[in-house]
Structure formats: structure tokens, C-alpha cells
Amino acid sequence: FQEITAWLRTRLADPPSLAEMAKRAGLSPGHFTNAFKREVGPTPIDFLTALRIDEATRRLHTSDQTISSIAADLGFASPGYFAQVFSKVKGCTPSEWRARHGL
């Protein structure tokens, strides 16, 4: 799954669907999910979400880019949805993260 995980790192702004990931691996979505989880640890969607949130935290820490801009750059449908996902993963909002860890 090294090729798939490397490819996912290039798709943060345009995250692929589970079906796209499975097709790229030549597997059905169910088999792909099970095999990916067995080999990598998290589910493919959780892995991709973690990559996107890790990139968001890096940007919040190192740039003055707006939260809305970061959300758009990382393919989130809205800043609100980005904040919801970020909060679920990190336990605080992007604004709170930036206040604690930002520039």
C-alpha cells in the first residue's frame, strides 16, 4: 500500500473517494478497506483525513493563511465542516489550535 499512501499524499486538495482508491488498487471497495486497514492500521478514509488534518495543523502553525483558505486548499466542502473534522481529530477548533501553537 506504499504506492496508494504516497498517491493520497498528493491528493489532499482533491481527496479521492473510497471507490477511486479501491479502483487504483485493483480491488473492490470492501476488500480494499479491509486490506488497507490490515496493512496500514486506519481505514483509508481515516488515513486520508489524518493526512489532511496534519497538513492543516502544519499550515496553522507556520503560516498566516486564513482558516477558510486552508479548508478550501485541503478540499473541505466548507470552513464549518473543516472545523468539525479538525475538532474531532484534534480536540479543539482550528482557531484554538492556532492560538496555542501558531505563529
PDB file of N, CA and C in Angstrom:
ATOM      1  N   PHE A   1       0.807  -1.207   0.000  1.00  0.00           N
ATOM      2  CA  PHE A   1       0.000   0.000   0.000  1.00  0.00           C
ATOM      3  C   PHE A   1       0.849   1.270   0.000  1.00  0.00           C
ATOM      4  N   GLN A   2       2.161   1.129  -0.153  1.00  0.00           N
ATOM      5  CA  GLN A   2       3.031   2.306  -0.204  1.00  0.00           C
ATOM      6  C   GLN A   2       2.664   3.228  -1.360  1.00  0.00           C
ATOM      7  N   GLU A   3       2.377   2.648  -2.512  1.00  0.00           N
ATOM      8  CA  GLU A   3       2.030   3.469  -3.674  1.00  0.00           C
ATOM      9  C   GLU A   3       0.730   4.225  -3.420  1.00  0.00           C
ATOM     10  N   ILE A   4      -0.243   3.570  -2.822  1.00  0.00           N
ATOM     11  CA  ILE A   4      -1.531   4.212  -2.534  1.00  0.00           C
ATOM     12  C   ILE A   4      -1.349   5.328  -1.511  1.00  0.00           C
ATOM     13  N   THR A   5      -0.608   5.085  -0.433  1.00  0.00           N
ATOM     14  CA  THR A   5      -0.431   6.121   0.583  1.00  0.00           C
ATOM     15  C   THR A   5       0.352   7.305   0.023  1.00  0.00           C
ATOM     16  N   ALA A   6       1.335   7.044  -0.834  1.00  0.00           N
ATOM     17  CA  ALA A   6       2.078   8.137  -1.476  1.00  0.00           C
ATOM     18  C   ALA A   6       1.148   8.943  -2.381  1.00  0.00           C
ATOM     19  N   TRP A   7       0.306   8.256  -3.133  1.00  0.00           N
ATOM     20  CA  TRP A   7      -0.645   8.927  -4.018  1.00  0.00           C
ATOM     21  C   TRP A   7      -1.624   9.775  -3.200  1.00  0.00           C
ATOM     22  N   LEU A   8      -2.093   9.252  -2.075  1.00  0.00           N
ATOM     23  CA  LEU A   8      -3.024  10.010  -1.242  1.00  0.00           C
ATOM     24  C   LEU A   8      -2.389  11.305  -0.748  1.00  0.00           C
ATOM     25  N   ARG A   9      -1.089  11.279  -0.481  1.00  0.00           N
ATOM     26  CA  ARG A   9      -0.400  12.497  -0.040  1.00  0.00           C
ATOM     27  C   ARG A   9      -0.405  13.575  -1.116  1.00  0.00           C
ATOM     28  N   THR A  10      -0.563  13.184  -2.366  1.00  0.00           N
ATOM     29  CA  THR A  10      -0.616  14.154  -3.467  1.00  0.00           C
ATOM     30  C   THR A  10      -2.034  14.627  -3.745  1.00  0.00           C
ATOM     31  N   ARG A  11      -3.005  14.049  -3.067  1.00  0.00           N
ATOM     32  CA  ARG A  11      -4.407  14.349  -3.348  1.00  0.00           C
ATOM     33  C   ARG A  11      -5.118  15.056  -2.184  1.00  0.00           C
ATOM     34  N   LEU A  12      -4.395  15.778  -1.360  1.00  0.00           N
ATOM     35  CA  LEU A  12      -5.005  16.432  -0.208  1.00  0.00           C
ATOM     36  C   LEU A  12      -6.016  17.494  -0.632  1.00  0.00           C
ATOM     37  N   ALA A  13      -5.741  18.212  -1.701  1.00  0.00           N
ATOM     38  CA  ALA A  13      -6.640  19.263  -2.167  1.00  0.00           C
ATOM     39  C   ALA A  13      -7.847  18.705  -2.918  1.00  0.00           C
ATOM     40  N   ASP A  14      -7.701  17.518  -3.450  1.00  0.00           N
ATOM     41  CA  ASP A  14      -8.768  16.881  -4.217  1.00  0.00           C
ATOM     42  C   ASP A  14      -8.874  15.428  -3.765  1.00  0.00           C
ATOM     43  N   PRO A  15      -9.360  15.222  -2.528  1.00  0.00           N
ATOM     44  CA  PRO A  15      -9.340  13.881  -1.963  1.00  0.00           C
ATOM     45  C   PRO A  15     -10.181  12.892  -2.773  1.00  0.00           C
ATOM     46  N   PRO A  16      -9.617  11.748  -3.080  1.00  0.00           N
ATOM     47  CA  PRO A  16     -10.346  10.739  -3.845  1.00  0.00           C
ATOM     48  C   PRO A  16     -11.391  10.034  -2.981  1.00  0.00           C
ATOM     49  N   SER A  17     -12.382   9.507  -3.643  1.00  0.00           N
ATOM     50  CA  SER A  17     -13.390   8.706  -2.946  1.00  0.00           C
ATOM     51  C   SER A  17     -12.804   7.327  -2.644  1.00  0.00           C
ATOM     52  N   LEU A  18     -13.487   6.609  -1.780  1.00  0.00           N
ATOM     53  CA  LEU A  18     -13.086   5.239  -1.475  1.00  0.00           C
ATOM     54  C   LEU A  18     -13.096   4.397  -2.749  1.00  0.00           C
ATOM     55  N   ALA A  19     -14.092   4.615  -3.592  1.00  0.00           N
ATOM     56  CA  ALA A  19     -14.177   3.869  -4.849  1.00  0.00           C
ATOM     57  C   ALA A  19     -12.964   4.141  -5.742  1.00  0.00           C
ATOM     58  N   GLU A  20     -12.519   5.400  -5.797  1.00  0.00           N
ATOM     59  CA  GLU A  20     -11.320   5.738  -6.587  1.00  0.00           C
ATOM     60  C   GLU A  20     -10.082   5.045  -6.026  1.00  0.00           C
ATOM     61  N   MET A  21      -9.960   5.059  -4.705  1.00  0.00           N
ATOM     62  CA  MET A  21      -8.806   4.407  -4.080  1.00  0.00           C
ATOM     63  C   MET A  21      -8.812   2.915  -4.394  1.00  0.00           C
ATOM     64  N   ALA A  22      -9.970   2.295  -4.233  1.00  0.00           N
ATOM     65  CA  ALA A  22     -10.081   0.854  -4.476  1.00  0.00           C
ATOM     66  C   ALA A  22      -9.772   0.525  -5.931  1.00  0.00           C
ATOM     67  N   LYS A  23     -10.284   1.327  -6.847  1.00  0.00           N
ATOM     68  CA  LYS A  23     -10.042   1.094  -8.271  1.00  0.00           C
ATOM     69  C   LYS A  23      -8.552   1.185  -8.573  1.00  0.00           C
ATOM     70  N   ARG A  24      -7.894   2.178  -7.999  1.00  0.00           N
ATOM     71  CA  ARG A  24      -6.451   2.337  -8.216  1.00  0.00           C
ATOM     72  C   ARG A  24      -5.685   1.118  -7.714  1.00  0.00           C
ATOM     73  N   ALA A  25      -6.179   0.513  -6.630  1.00  0.00           N
ATOM     74  CA  ALA A  25      -5.528  -0.674  -6.072  1.00  0.00           C
ATOM     75  C   ALA A  25      -5.978  -1.959  -6.765  1.00  0.00           C
ATOM     76  N   GLY A  26      -6.992  -1.847  -7.618  1.00  0.00           N
ATOM     77  CA  GLY A  26      -7.488  -3.026  -8.319  1.00  0.00           C
ATOM     78  C   GLY A  26      -8.325  -3.947  -7.446  1.00  0.00           C
ATOM     79  N   LEU A  27      -8.991  -3.379  -6.450  1.00  0.00           N
ATOM     80  CA  LEU A  27      -9.789  -4.162  -5.516  1.00  0.00           C
ATOM     81  C   LEU A  27     -11.191  -3.571  -5.400  1.00  0.00           C
ATOM     82  N   SER A  28     -12.107  -4.371  -4.874  1.00  0.00           N
ATOM     83  CA  SER A  28     -13.432  -3.842  -4.565  1.00  0.00           C
ATOM     84  C   SER A  28     -13.293  -2.924  -3.352  1.00  0.00           C
ATOM     85  N   PRO A  29     -14.204  -1.963  -3.181  1.00  0.00           N
ATOM     86  CA  PRO A  29     -14.089  -1.068  -2.025  1.00  0.00           C
ATOM     87  C   PRO A  29     -14.035  -1.805  -0.686  1.00  0.00           C
ATOM     88  N   GLY A  30     -14.851  -2.825  -0.510  1.00  0.00           N
ATOM     89  CA  GLY A  30     -14.838  -3.568   0.756  1.00  0.00           C
ATOM     90  C   GLY A  30     -13.526  -4.292   0.992  1.00  0.00           C
ATOM     91  N   HIS A  31     -13.039  -4.981  -0.037  1.00  0.00           N
ATOM     92  CA  HIS A  31     -11.772  -5.707   0.104  1.00  0.00           C
ATOM     93  C   HIS A  31     -10.621  -4.728   0.305  1.00  0.00           C
ATOM     94  N   PHE A  32     -10.652  -3.619  -0.429  1.00  0.00           N
ATOM     95  CA  PHE A  32      -9.614  -2.604  -0.292  1.00  0.00           C
ATOM     96  C   PHE A  32      -9.575  -2.067   1.142  1.00  0.00           C
ATOM     97  N   THR A  33     -10.741  -1.729   1.689  1.00  0.00           N
ATOM     98  CA  THR A  33     -10.802  -1.194   3.049  1.00  0.00           C
ATOM     99  C   THR A  33     -10.224  -2.182   4.054  1.00  0.00           C
ATOM    100  N   ASN A  34     -10.630  -3.439   3.951  1.00  0.00           N
ATOM    101  CA  ASN A  34     -10.133  -4.452   4.879  1.00  0.00           C
ATOM    102  C   ASN A  34      -8.625  -4.657   4.745  1.00  0.00           C
ATOM    103  N   ALA A  35      -8.143  -4.762   3.518  1.00  0.00           N
ATOM    104  CA  ALA A  35      -6.713  -4.982   3.292  1.00  0.00           C
ATOM    105  C   ALA A  35      -5.900  -3.762   3.732  1.00  0.00           C
ATOM    106  N   PHE A  36      -6.378  -2.565   3.422  1.00  0.00           N
ATOM    107  CA  PHE A  36      -5.679  -1.338   3.800  1.00  0.00           C
ATOM    108  C   PHE A  36      -5.574  -1.257   5.323  1.00  0.00           C
ATOM    109  N   LYS A  37      -6.685  -1.495   5.987  1.00  0.00           N
ATOM    110  CA  LYS A  37      -6.699  -1.437   7.450  1.00  0.00           C
ATOM    111  C   LYS A  37      -5.751  -2.473   8.055  1.00  0.00           C
ATOM    112  N   ARG A  38      -5.736  -3.661   7.489  1.00  0.00           N
ATOM    113  CA  ARG A  38      -4.858  -4.724   7.981  1.00  0.00           C
ATOM    114  C   ARG A  38      -3.384  -4.336   7.807  1.00  0.00           C
ATOM    115  N   GLU A  39      -3.046  -3.712   6.679  1.00  0.00           N
ATOM    116  CA  GLU A  39      -1.646  -3.389   6.380  1.00  0.00           C
ATOM    117  C   GLU A  39      -1.179  -2.055   6.961  1.00  0.00           C
ATOM    118  N   VAL A  40      -2.062  -1.047   6.956  1.00  0.00           N
ATOM    119  CA  VAL A  40      -1.654   0.307   7.326  1.00  0.00           C
ATOM    120  C   VAL A  40      -2.086   0.675   8.740  1.00  0.00           C
ATOM    121  N   GLY A  41      -3.236   0.180   9.168  1.00  0.00           N
ATOM    122  CA  GLY A  41      -3.748   0.490  10.515  1.00  0.00           C
ATOM    123  C   GLY A  41      -5.122   1.122  10.457  1.00  0.00           C
ATOM    124  N   PRO A  42      -5.199   2.402  10.089  1.00  0.00           N
ATOM    125  CA  PRO A  42      -6.520   3.032   9.994  1.00  0.00           C
ATOM    126  C   PRO A  42      -7.230   2.650   8.694  1.00  0.00           C
ATOM    127  N   THR A  43      -8.504   2.976   8.619  1.00  0.00           N
ATOM    128  CA  THR A  43      -9.219   2.786   7.354  1.00  0.00           C
ATOM    129  C   THR A  43      -8.651   3.776   6.337  1.00  0.00           C
ATOM    130  N   PRO A  44      -8.886   3.558   5.054  1.00  0.00           N
ATOM    131  CA  PRO A  44      -8.378   4.501   4.049  1.00  0.00           C
ATOM    132  C   PRO A  44      -8.898   5.924   4.263  1.00  0.00           C
ATOM    133  N   ILE A  45     -10.166   6.053   4.598  1.00  0.00           N
ATOM    134  CA  ILE A  45     -10.741   7.381   4.808  1.00  0.00           C
ATOM    135  C   ILE A  45     -10.139   8.036   6.045  1.00  0.00           C
ATOM    136  N   ASP A  46      -9.970   7.285   7.118  1.00  0.00           N
ATOM    137  CA  ASP A  46      -9.343   7.837   8.323  1.00  0.00           C
ATOM    138  C   ASP A  46      -7.895   8.228   8.058  1.00  0.00           C
ATOM    139  N   PHE A  47      -7.184   7.432   7.261  1.00  0.00           N
ATOM    140  CA  PHE A  47      -5.805   7.749   6.907  1.00  0.00           C
ATOM    141  C   PHE A  47      -5.748   9.062   6.134  1.00  0.00           C
ATOM    142  N   LEU A  48      -6.617   9.213   5.132  1.00  0.00           N
ATOM    143  CA  LEU A  48      -6.656  10.428   4.327  1.00  0.00           C
ATOM    144  C   LEU A  48      -7.047  11.632   5.182  1.00  0.00           C
ATOM    145  N   THR A  49      -8.009  11.463   6.054  1.00  0.00           N
ATOM    146  CA  THR A  49      -8.411  12.554   6.946  1.00  0.00           C
ATOM    147  C   THR A  49      -7.245  12.981   7.823  1.00  0.00           C
ATOM    148  N   ALA A  50      -6.513  12.027   8.365  1.00  0.00           N
ATOM    149  CA  ALA A  50      -5.351  12.351   9.200  1.00  0.00           C
ATOM    150  C   ALA A  50      -4.301  13.120   8.415  1.00  0.00           C
ATOM    151  N   LEU A  51      -4.062  12.731   7.163  1.00  0.00           N
ATOM    152  CA  LEU A  51      -3.103  13.461   6.331  1.00  0.00           C
ATOM    153  C   LEU A  51      -3.538  14.909   6.137  1.00  0.00           C
ATOM    154  N   ARG A  52      -4.822  15.095   5.852  1.00  0.00           N
ATOM    155  CA  ARG A  52      -5.347  16.442   5.608  1.00  0.00           C
ATOM    156  C   ARG A  52      -5.290  17.297   6.873  1.00  0.00           C
ATOM    157  N   ILE A  53      -5.630  16.703   8.006  1.00  0.00           N
ATOM    158  CA  ILE A  53      -5.591  17.456   9.260  1.00  0.00           C
ATOM    159  C   ILE A  53      -4.146  17.738   9.674  1.00  0.00           C
ATOM    160  N   ASP A  54      -3.244  16.806   9.438  1.00  0.00           N
ATOM    161  CA  ASP A  54      -1.820  17.059   9.726  1.00  0.00           C
ATOM    162  C   ASP A  54      -1.304  18.231   8.892  1.00  0.00           C
ATOM    163  N   GLU A  55      -1.681  18.285   7.627  1.00  0.00           N
ATOM    164  CA  GLU A  55      -1.264  19.406   6.776  1.00  0.00           C
ATOM    165  C   GLU A  55      -1.901  20.697   7.269  1.00  0.00           C
ATOM    166  N   ALA A  56      -3.151  20.635   7.692  1.00  0.00           N
ATOM    167  CA  ALA A  56      -3.816  21.831   8.231  1.00  0.00           C
ATOM    168  C   ALA A  56      -3.091  22.335   9.477  1.00  0.00           C
ATOM    169  N   THR A  57      -2.717  21.436  10.372  1.00  0.00           N
ATOM    170  CA  THR A  57      -2.025  21.864  11.589  1.00  0.00           C
ATOM    171  C   THR A  57      -0.664  22.473  11.251  1.00  0.00           C
ATOM    172  N   ARG A  58       0.003  21.916  10.257  1.00  0.00           N
ATOM    173  CA  ARG A  58       1.281  22.490   9.830  1.00  0.00           C
ATOM    174  C   ARG A  58       1.077  23.920   9.337  1.00  0.00           C
ATOM    175  N   ARG A  59       0.051  24.123   8.522  1.00  0.00           N
ATOM    176  CA  ARG A  59      -0.215  25.464   7.991  1.00  0.00           C
ATOM    177  C   ARG A  59      -0.663  26.428   9.089  1.00  0.00           C
ATOM    178  N   LEU A  60      -1.466  25.953  10.014  1.00  0.00           N
ATOM    179  CA  LEU A  60      -1.898  26.807  11.121  1.00  0.00           C
ATOM    180  C   LEU A  60      -0.704  27.239  11.960  1.00  0.00           C
ATOM    181  N   HIS A  61       0.267  26.371  12.050  1.00  0.00           N
ATOM    182  CA  HIS A  61       1.463  26.630  12.858  1.00  0.00           C
ATOM    183  C   HIS A  61       2.481  27.522  12.145  1.00  0.00           C
ATOM    184  N   THR A  62       2.572  27.403  10.827  1.00  0.00           N
ATOM    185  CA  THR A  62       3.683  28.053  10.114  1.00  0.00           C
ATOM    186  C   THR A  62       3.291  29.172   9.167  1.00  0.00           C
ATOM    187  N   SER A  63       1.995  29.407   8.976  1.00  0.00           N
ATOM    188  CA  SER A  63       1.600  30.447   8.026  1.00  0.00           C
ATOM    189  C   SER A  63       0.509  31.324   8.612  1.00  0.00           C
ATOM    190  N   ASP A  64       0.251  32.442   7.936  1.00  0.00           N
ATOM    191  CA  ASP A  64      -0.853  33.307   8.346  1.00  0.00           C
ATOM    192  C   ASP A  64      -2.054  33.120   7.418  1.00  0.00           C
ATOM    193  N   GLN A  65      -2.058  32.030   6.689  1.00  0.00           N
ATOM    194  CA  GLN A  65      -3.165  31.692   5.803  1.00  0.00           C
ATOM    195  C   GLN A  65      -4.454  31.600   6.624  1.00  0.00           C
ATOM    196  N   THR A  66      -5.555  32.123   6.087  1.00  0.00           N
ATOM    197  CA  THR A  66      -6.816  32.072   6.832  1.00  0.00           C
ATOM    198  C   THR A  66      -7.305  30.638   6.962  1.00  0.00           C
ATOM    199  N   ILE A  67      -8.106  30.409   7.976  1.00  0.00           N
ATOM    200  CA  ILE A  67      -8.668  29.084   8.193  1.00  0.00           C
ATOM    201  C   ILE A  67      -9.561  28.696   7.016  1.00  0.00           C
ATOM    202  N   SER A  68     -10.325  29.638   6.500  1.00  0.00           N
ATOM    203  CA  SER A  68     -11.173  29.361   5.331  1.00  0.00           C
ATOM    204  C   SER A  68     -10.332  28.955   4.129  1.00  0.00           C
ATOM    205  N   SER A  69      -9.210  29.606   3.945  1.00  0.00           N
ATOM    206  CA  SER A  69      -8.322  29.297   2.824  1.00  0.00           C
ATOM    207  C   SER A  69      -7.690  27.917   2.995  1.00  0.00           C
ATOM    208  N   ILE A  70      -7.285  27.602   4.198  1.00  0.00           N
ATOM    209  CA  ILE A  70      -6.720  26.273   4.477  1.00  0.00           C
ATOM    210  C   ILE A  70      -7.765  25.207   4.191  1.00  0.00           C
ATOM    211  N   ALA A  71      -8.984  25.431   4.653  1.00  0.00           N
ATOM    212  CA  ALA A  71     -10.074  24.475   4.423  1.00  0.00           C
ATOM    213  C   ALA A  71     -10.280  24.253   2.927  1.00  0.00           C
ATOM    214  N   ALA A  72     -10.328  25.322   2.163  1.00  0.00           N
ATOM    215  CA  ALA A  72     -10.524  25.210   0.709  1.00  0.00           C
ATOM    216  C   ALA A  72      -9.344  24.510   0.048  1.00  0.00           C
ATOM    217  N   ASP A  73      -8.132  24.873   0.443  1.00  0.00           N
ATOM    218  CA  ASP A  73      -6.927  24.266  -0.143  1.00  0.00           C
ATOM    219  C   ASP A  73      -6.860  22.765   0.103  1.00  0.00           C
ATOM    220  N   LEU A  74      -7.441  22.315   1.201  1.00  0.00           N
ATOM    221  CA  LEU A  74      -7.373  20.901   1.547  1.00  0.00           C
ATOM    222  C   LEU A  74      -8.647  20.147   1.169  1.00  0.00           C
ATOM    223  N   GLY A  75      -9.490  20.781   0.362  1.00  0.00           N
ATOM    224  CA  GLY A  75     -10.638  20.095  -0.220  1.00  0.00           C
ATOM    225  C   GLY A  75     -11.833  19.898   0.685  1.00  0.00           C
ATOM    226  N   PHE A  76     -11.916  20.652   1.775  1.00  0.00           N
ATOM    227  CA  PHE A  76     -13.084  20.551   2.640  1.00  0.00           C
ATOM    228  C   PHE A  76     -14.223  21.360   2.023  1.00  0.00           C
ATOM    229  N   ALA A  77     -15.441  20.861   2.140  1.00  0.00           N
ATOM    230  CA  ALA A  77     -16.604  21.474   1.499  1.00  0.00           C
ATOM    231  C   ALA A  77     -16.899  22.870   2.037  1.00  0.00           C
ATOM    232  N   SER A  78     -16.584  23.110   3.297  1.00  0.00           N
ATOM    233  CA  SER A  78     -16.828  24.423   3.900  1.00  0.00           C
ATOM    234  C   SER A  78     -15.909  24.593   5.105  1.00  0.00           C
ATOM    235  N   PRO A  79     -15.688  25.838   5.510  1.00  0.00           N
ATOM    236  CA  PRO A  79     -14.891  26.059   6.719  1.00  0.00           C
ATOM    237  C   PRO A  79     -15.536  25.420   7.949  1.00  0.00           C
ATOM    238  N   GLY A  80     -16.864  25.409   8.001  1.00  0.00           N
ATOM    239  CA  GLY A  80     -17.559  24.798   9.133  1.00  0.00           C
ATOM    240  C   GLY A  80     -17.316  23.300   9.222  1.00  0.00           C
ATOM    241  N   TYR A  81     -17.374  22.631   8.065  1.00  0.00           N
ATOM    242  CA  TYR A  81     -17.110  21.190   8.049  1.00  0.00           C
ATOM    243  C   TYR A  81     -15.653  20.910   8.405  1.00  0.00           C
ATOM    244  N   PHE A  82     -14.754  21.736   7.892  1.00  0.00           N
ATOM    245  CA  PHE A  82     -13.343  21.606   8.247  1.00  0.00           C
ATOM    246  C   PHE A  82     -13.166  21.721   9.759  1.00  0.00           C
ATOM    247  N   ALA A  83     -13.800  22.727  10.369  1.00  0.00           N
ATOM    248  CA  ALA A  83     -13.680  22.921  11.817  1.00  0.00           C
ATOM    249  C   ALA A  83     -14.240  21.721  12.580  1.00  0.00           C
ATOM    250  N   GLN A  84     -15.328  21.151  12.070  1.00  0.00           N
ATOM    251  CA  GLN A  84     -15.937  19.984  12.710  1.00  0.00           C
ATOM    252  C   GLN A  84     -14.980  18.790  12.678  1.00  0.00           C
ATOM    253  N   VAL A  85     -14.404  18.521  11.510  1.00  0.00           N
ATOM    254  CA  VAL A  85     -13.477  17.397  11.372  1.00  0.00           C
ATOM    255  C   VAL A  85     -12.218  17.654  12.194  1.00  0.00           C
ATOM    256  N   PHE A  86     -11.689  18.860  12.113  1.00  0.00           N
ATOM    257  CA  PHE A  86     -10.489  19.221  12.856  1.00  0.00           C
ATOM    258  C   PHE A  86     -10.714  19.007  14.355  1.00  0.00           C
ATOM    259  N   SER A  87     -11.858  19.479  14.846  1.00  0.00           N
ATOM    260  CA  SER A  87     -12.177  19.340  16.265  1.00  0.00           C
ATOM    261  C   SER A  87     -12.283  17.883  16.685  1.00  0.00           C
ATOM    262  N   LYS A  88     -12.859  17.073  15.821  1.00  0.00           N
ATOM    263  CA  LYS A  88     -12.990  15.641  16.127  1.00  0.00           C
ATOM    264  C   LYS A  88     -11.613  14.985  16.248  1.00  0.00           C
ATOM    265  N   VAL A  89     -10.704  15.368  15.368  1.00  0.00           N
ATOM    266  CA  VAL A  89      -9.369  14.756  15.353  1.00  0.00           C
ATOM    267  C   VAL A  89      -8.456  15.341  16.433  1.00  0.00           C
ATOM    268  N   LYS A  90      -8.460  16.664  16.574  1.00  0.00           N
ATOM    269  CA  LYS A  90      -7.501  17.339  17.454  1.00  0.00           C
ATOM    270  C   LYS A  90      -8.058  17.739  18.820  1.00  0.00           C
ATOM    271  N   GLY A  91      -9.377  17.693  18.977  1.00  0.00           N
ATOM    272  CA  GLY A  91      -9.962  18.039  20.264  1.00  0.00           C
ATOM    273  C   GLY A  91     -10.125  19.522  20.510  1.00  0.00           C
ATOM    274  N   CYS A  92      -9.901  20.331  19.482  1.00  0.00           N
ATOM    275  CA  CYS A  92     -10.106  21.774  19.579  1.00  0.00           C
ATOM    276  C   CYS A  92     -10.347  22.312  18.171  1.00  0.00           C
ATOM    277  N   THR A  93     -10.822  23.538  18.077  1.00  0.00           N
ATOM    278  CA  THR A  93     -11.075  24.130  16.767  1.00  0.00           C
ATOM    279  C   THR A  93      -9.762  24.584  16.124  1.00  0.00           C
ATOM    280  N   PRO A  94      -9.780  24.828  14.816  1.00  0.00           N
ATOM    281  CA  PRO A  94      -8.569  25.359  14.173  1.00  0.00           C
ATOM    282  C   PRO A  94      -8.122  26.683  14.797  1.00  0.00           C
ATOM    283  N   SER A  95      -9.068  27.536  15.154  1.00  0.00           N
ATOM    284  CA  SER A  95      -8.717  28.818  15.784  1.00  0.00           C
ATOM    285  C   SER A  95      -8.027  28.600  17.120  1.00  0.00           C
ATOM    286  N   GLU A  96      -8.557  27.678  17.910  1.00  0.00           N
ATOM    287  CA  GLU A  96      -7.934  27.374  19.200  1.00  0.00           C
ATOM    288  C   GLU A  96      -6.539  26.788  19.002  1.00  0.00           C
ATOM    289  N   TRP A  97      -6.392  25.917  18.013  1.00  0.00           N
ATOM    290  CA  TRP A  97      -5.084  25.323  17.714  1.00  0.00           C
ATOM    291  C   TRP A  97      -4.076  26.421  17.367  1.00  0.00           C
ATOM    292  N   ARG A  98      -4.497  27.317  16.477  1.00  0.00           N
ATOM    293  CA  ARG A  98      -3.596  28.389  16.054  1.00  0.00           C
ATOM    294  C   ARG A  98      -3.230  29.282  17.235  1.00  0.00           C
ATOM    295  N   ALA A  99      -4.190  29.572  18.098  1.00  0.00           N
ATOM    296  CA  ALA A  99      -3.903  30.417  19.266  1.00  0.00           C
ATOM    297  C   ALA A  99      -2.874  29.779  20.178  1.00  0.00           C
ATOM    298  N   ARG A 100      -2.916  28.465  20.301  1.00  0.00           N
ATOM    299  CA  ARG A 100      -1.986  27.736  21.176  1.00  0.00           C
ATOM    300  C   ARG A 100      -0.644  27.452  20.510  1.00  0.00           C
ATOM    301  N   HIS A 101      -0.676  27.147  19.201  1.00  0.00           N
ATOM    302  CA  HIS A 101       0.523  26.630  18.522  1.00  0.00           C
ATOM    303  C   HIS A 101       0.971  27.453  17.329  1.00  0.00           C
ATOM    304  N   GLY A 102       0.262  28.503  16.983  1.00  0.00           N
ATOM    305  CA  GLY A 102       0.537  29.237  15.755  1.00  0.00           C
ATOM    306  C   GLY A 102       1.723  30.152  15.852  1.00  0.00           C
ATOM    307  N   LEU A 103       1.805  31.003  14.836  1.00  0.00           N
ATOM    308  CA  LEU A 103       2.931  31.930  14.694  1.00  0.00           C
ATOM    309  C   LEU A 103       3.162  32.771  15.917  1.00  0.00           C
TER     310      LEU A 103
END
